[in-house]
């Protein structure tokens, strides 16, 4: 299995509940922006030191949308795993997971229950992934954002988590040296 790993709280919680042989695939976005990858790099290095397999792929595929007169960004929710899809044969990836919590799955707009496995969106994307030999996995689909934070707290790796995408590698968005999972 592989995990589309953003180094944020939800994907870190997903990594913690996934098997240890899960490939953690980080997408290093190269589009010029305020994003800073140093906090993510700190966590990736720590995970590698613990024996986790990580791959770090630089890409600007978010620019593809601009060719169609749209804003820079991912074309779909699952475009953040483009690198894993393209490398699936090389790494023998049979399943790709996403850190998509309860608030974005079984709770419609974060407040009303829906049977996520049966909605058209999930059915459509599951079939698309399956058509190329990859299972779509949502390991934290039944866990809330607060539950994901609790998973982070329960593991030593949580003290190295700082999901601020604009932090400087030491602080959360320049505000503190405390990790949000401490």
Protein backbone atom coordinates (compact mmCIF):
# COMPACT_ATOMS: atom_id res chain seq x y z
CA UNK A 1 0.00 0.00 0.00
CA UNK A 2 0.91 3.66 -0.41
CA UNK A 3 -0.40 6.80 1.27
CA UNK A 4 -0.70 10.19 -0.35
CA UNK A 5 1.19 11.85 2.48
CA UNK A 6 0.93 15.59 3.05
CA UNK A 7 2.71 15.51 6.44
CA UNK A 8 -0.39 17.10 7.97
CA UNK A 9 -2.32 15.82 10.96
CA UNK A 10 -4.83 13.72 9.01
CA UNK A 11 -2.28 12.03 6.75
CA UNK A 12 0.04 11.44 9.71
CA UNK A 13 -2.81 9.78 11.60
CA UNK A 14 -3.51 7.69 8.49
CA UNK A 15 0.19 6.69 8.35
CA UNK A 16 0.02 5.62 11.99
CA UNK A 17 -2.92 3.28 11.41
CA UNK A 18 -1.62 1.89 8.10
CA UNK A 19 0.74 -1.10 7.97
CA UNK A 20 4.42 -0.26 8.54
CA UNK A 21 5.28 -1.26 4.96
CA UNK A 22 3.06 1.52 3.58
CA UNK A 23 4.95 3.81 1.20
CA UNK A 24 4.49 7.41 2.29
CA UNK A 25 4.42 9.45 -0.91
CA UNK A 26 5.01 13.17 -0.36
CA UNK A 27 4.17 15.55 -3.21
CA UNK A 28 6.65 18.43 -3.08
CA UNK A 29 4.75 21.11 -4.87
CA UNK A 30 7.03 23.28 -7.01
CA UNK A 31 4.48 25.91 -7.96
CA UNK A 32 5.65 29.29 -6.71
CA UNK A 33 3.59 30.10 -3.63
CA UNK A 34 3.75 30.71 0.11
CA UNK A 35 4.12 26.97 0.75
CA UNK A 36 7.20 25.98 2.69
CA UNK A 37 8.16 22.32 2.85
CA UNK A 38 10.54 22.52 5.83
CA UNK A 39 8.01 21.37 8.46
CA UNK A 40 7.06 18.44 6.23
CA UNK A 41 10.73 17.64 5.67
CA UNK A 42 11.33 17.44 9.41
CA UNK A 43 8.57 14.87 9.76
CA UNK A 44 9.63 12.93 6.66
CA UNK A 45 13.19 12.68 7.95
CA UNK A 46 11.96 11.44 11.30
CA UNK A 47 9.74 8.83 9.67
CA UNK A 48 12.64 7.66 7.49
CA UNK A 49 14.82 7.38 10.60
CA UNK A 50 12.14 5.11 12.09
CA UNK A 51 12.38 2.84 9.06
CA UNK A 52 9.34 4.06 7.15
CA UNK A 53 9.60 4.08 3.36
CA UNK A 54 9.06 7.57 2.00
CA UNK A 55 9.24 8.96 -1.49
CA UNK A 56 9.43 12.68 -2.11
CA UNK A 57 8.38 13.73 -5.61
CA UNK A 58 8.62 17.30 -6.88
CA UNK A 59 5.94 18.33 -9.37
CA UNK A 60 4.16 21.33 -10.78
CA UNK A 61 1.23 19.37 -12.21
CA UNK A 62 -1.11 21.85 -10.56
CA UNK A 63 -0.32 24.17 -13.47
CA UNK A 64 -2.19 21.92 -15.90
CA UNK A 65 -5.42 23.67 -14.93
CA UNK A 66 -4.04 27.01 -16.14
CA UNK A 67 -3.92 25.59 -19.67
CA UNK A 68 -7.72 25.50 -19.43
CA UNK A 69 -8.00 29.04 -18.00
CA UNK A 70 -8.54 27.82 -14.44
CA UNK A 71 -6.71 28.67 -11.23
CA UNK A 72 -3.64 26.74 -10.17
CA UNK A 73 -4.63 23.76 -8.06
CA UNK A 74 -5.50 20.10 -8.02
CA UNK A 75 -8.00 19.02 -10.64
CA UNK A 76 -9.70 16.58 -8.23
CA UNK A 77 -9.51 15.59 -4.58
CA UNK A 78 -7.35 12.64 -5.53
CA UNK A 79 -4.89 14.48 -7.81
CA UNK A 80 -2.61 14.78 -4.79
CA UNK A 81 -1.71 11.13 -5.46
CA UNK A 82 -0.70 11.62 -9.09
CA UNK A 83 2.91 10.80 -8.22
CA UNK A 84 1.87 7.51 -6.61
CA UNK A 85 -0.36 6.54 -9.52
CA UNK A 86 2.45 7.21 -12.00
CA UNK A 87 4.92 5.22 -9.87
CA UNK A 88 2.55 2.38 -9.03
CA UNK A 89 4.22 -0.14 -11.35
CA UNK A 90 7.72 0.79 -10.20
CA UNK A 91 6.84 0.37 -6.51
CA UNK A 92 4.28 -2.40 -7.01
CA UNK A 93 1.55 -0.26 -5.43
CA UNK A 94 -1.79 -2.05 -5.25
CA UNK A 95 -3.61 0.41 -3.00
CA UNK A 96 -3.42 4.16 -2.42
CA UNK A 97 -4.72 5.64 0.81
CA UNK A 98 -5.72 9.19 1.65
CA UNK A 99 -5.97 10.94 5.00
CA UNK A 100 -9.62 11.84 4.51
CA UNK A 101 -11.32 12.01 7.93
CA UNK A 102 -14.94 11.56 9.01
CA UNK A 103 -15.66 15.25 8.52
CA UNK A 104 -15.10 14.82 4.76
CA UNK A 105 -16.56 11.34 4.26
CA UNK A 106 -19.45 10.07 6.33
CA UNK A 107 -20.46 13.56 7.45
CA UNK A 108 -21.87 15.58 4.57
CA UNK A 109 -20.48 19.11 4.89
CA UNK A 110 -19.15 17.98 8.26
CA UNK A 111 -22.55 17.74 9.94
CA UNK A 112 -25.05 15.30 8.41
CA UNK A 113 -24.51 11.54 8.16
CA UNK A 114 -24.31 9.89 4.75
CA UNK A 115 -23.31 6.35 3.78
CA UNK A 116 -20.10 7.41 2.06
CA UNK A 117 -19.34 4.03 0.51
CA UNK A 118 -22.63 4.24 -1.41
CA UNK A 119 -22.52 7.82 -2.69
CA UNK A 120 -21.84 8.38 -6.38
CA UNK A 121 -18.57 10.23 -5.69
CA UNK A 122 -16.98 7.30 -3.84
CA UNK A 123 -18.37 4.75 -6.28
CA UNK A 124 -17.03 6.71 -9.26
CA UNK A 125 -13.51 7.15 -7.87
CA UNK A 126 -13.26 3.62 -6.50
CA UNK A 127 -14.03 2.29 -9.99
CA UNK A 128 -11.53 4.68 -11.61
CA UNK A 129 -8.76 3.51 -9.29
CA UNK A 130 -9.77 -0.13 -9.65
CA UNK A 131 -9.68 0.18 -13.45
CA UNK A 132 -5.91 0.71 -13.22
CA UNK A 133 -5.40 -2.01 -10.61
CA UNK A 134 -5.30 0.20 -7.53
CA UNK A 135 -7.60 0.01 -4.52
CA UNK A 136 -8.80 3.33 -3.07
CA UNK A 137 -8.30 3.23 0.72
CA UNK A 138 -9.58 5.72 3.29
CA UNK A 139 -8.12 4.45 6.60
CA UNK A 140 -9.39 7.32 8.74
CA UNK A 141 -12.77 7.82 7.05
CA UNK A 142 -14.55 6.97 10.31
CA UNK A 143 -12.29 9.11 12.53
CA UNK A 144 -12.92 12.78 13.28
CA UNK A 145 -10.32 15.54 13.10
CA UNK A 146 -10.14 15.42 16.90
CA UNK A 147 -9.64 11.66 16.74
CA UNK A 148 -6.79 12.13 14.28
CA UNK A 149 -5.16 14.55 16.69
CA UNK A 150 -5.55 11.96 19.47
CA UNK A 151 -3.83 9.35 17.29
CA UNK A 152 -0.97 11.80 16.83
CA UNK A 153 -0.77 12.35 20.59
CA UNK A 154 -0.59 8.61 21.21
CA UNK A 155 2.63 8.21 19.25
CA UNK A 156 6.10 9.67 19.73
CA UNK A 157 6.14 10.79 16.09
CA UNK A 158 3.43 13.31 16.96
CA UNK A 159 5.95 15.57 18.63
CA UNK A 160 7.61 16.01 15.23
CA UNK A 161 4.36 16.87 13.47
CA UNK A 162 3.77 20.46 12.47
CA UNK A 163 1.22 20.58 9.68
CA UNK A 164 1.60 24.28 8.97
CA UNK A 165 2.40 24.56 5.26
CA UNK A 166 3.90 28.01 5.75
CA UNK A 167 6.07 27.26 8.77
CA UNK A 168 9.83 27.62 8.71
CA UNK A 169 10.76 24.11 9.76
CA UNK A 170 10.84 24.92 13.45
CA UNK A 171 7.60 26.75 14.13
CA UNK A 172 3.94 26.50 13.24
CA UNK A 173 3.40 29.30 10.76
CA UNK A 174 5.98 31.35 12.63
CA UNK A 175 3.97 31.44 15.86
CA UNK A 176 5.50 28.86 18.19
CA UNK A 177 8.13 26.19 18.52
CA UNK A 178 5.48 23.90 19.98
CA UNK A 179 4.15 21.18 17.73
CA UNK A 180 0.34 21.08 17.56
CA UNK A 181 0.51 17.42 18.58
CA UNK A 182 2.44 17.91 21.82
